[in-house]
Amino acid sequence: MNTQVILKSRPEGQPEAEHFDFKQVPVTELADGLVRCKTRYLSLDPYMRSQISGRHISQAINPGDVLQGETISDVIASNHQDFKVGDVVRGFGGWQQFADLPASALVKVAHPHQSYALSVLGMPGLTAYAGLMWQAQPKPGDVVVVPAAIGGVGATVGQLAKANGCTVIGIAGSDEKCQIAVDKLGYHHCINRKTEDVAAQLDKLCPNGIDIYFDLVGGDMLHTASHRLAIGARVILCGLIAEYNQTERSFGPEPAYWIKARATVHGLVVYDFEPRRQEFIDACMPLIESGQLHMLEDISEGIDAAPEAFAKLMRGENVGKTLVKVS
């Protein structure tokens, strides 16, 4: 039997474990051309909240549907010549123990730290690299500000910016997270958004303005940062963590902020950069091997833990990339 996690009801506001349910379905005979994957790691990501709301660019998840998500899996049966039993693969297996997937939807994973294929060498890493390196194009001495500083994307942005000679300022939701940002990820400073005046701290830490603002949260934080942009600033619009649990979007910053700074504003959709994934991996692998780039992982055990792990992520209680070790 295959244990699947389905959406029980569409949450209004903060998702909780009660909004999900479990379903047992039989594992049937493997169809021609498909590969049977036993899930090892499941990635949980903030964009899933938009899928649950029916607003994400990829697809909508409706009550009764199996939740979607990227996975690292072991091949346990194969009806395709390109994959054999024992291969480790990356694909969108979803929130379940087993998935039968077409070979075209799978990529073999060779890196010994396999969970990294879902984090620093996976979609979060590609998001960070594409936004920072290809869109913002950092220069030594740039001041880079990263909210959600130790999450899957933010942690990679901060470390890449540091490796490229930038001054890196993080924003996080607790003293513990700020300490991690500075001590483990190499941020020069980190602001606790819950106990400190973010605007005043940015004025103090960025006296000449912000050169790159890598926006992962939207909401009031985007307004605050936009008001403090340096001339020639680059703004990367990537995520809306502050708004995922809301039914209505907030209004954006006044255009005058961006005009005054002669800012370049990029909307970032990671799918646009999928054809360049190997280029990104080749660039980051030496940084991983040298210890300049690594990923904090927040791992829960068992498929039954997925709903609460996702709720924890959406409450901002995760420390690093959120994963479920399914098997």
Foldseek 3Di string as FASTA:
>chain_A
DKKFKAQAQQDQFFFFLVRIDIDDDDDDDADAQKWKWFFFKWFFDLLLLCQSVQRHPPHHGHGPGGRKTKTWTATCDDNDPVDDGGFIWIFTQGLMRMRIGHPVRIDTDDDPVRCCCCACLHLLVLLLCCCVCVPLNDAAAAEEEAEVCAARNNLNNQLVCVVRNYQYEYEAADPVLQCCCCPPSPHPGYHHPVPDDVLVVCCVVVVQFHQEYEDAAFDPVQQSRLQGHHAAHEYEAEHHLPPSSHPDDDDHHDCVSCVVNVYHYHYDDSVVCVVCSVVSCVVCVVCVVVVSDDWDEDEAEASSCVRNLNSCVSVRNGRTTYMYRHD
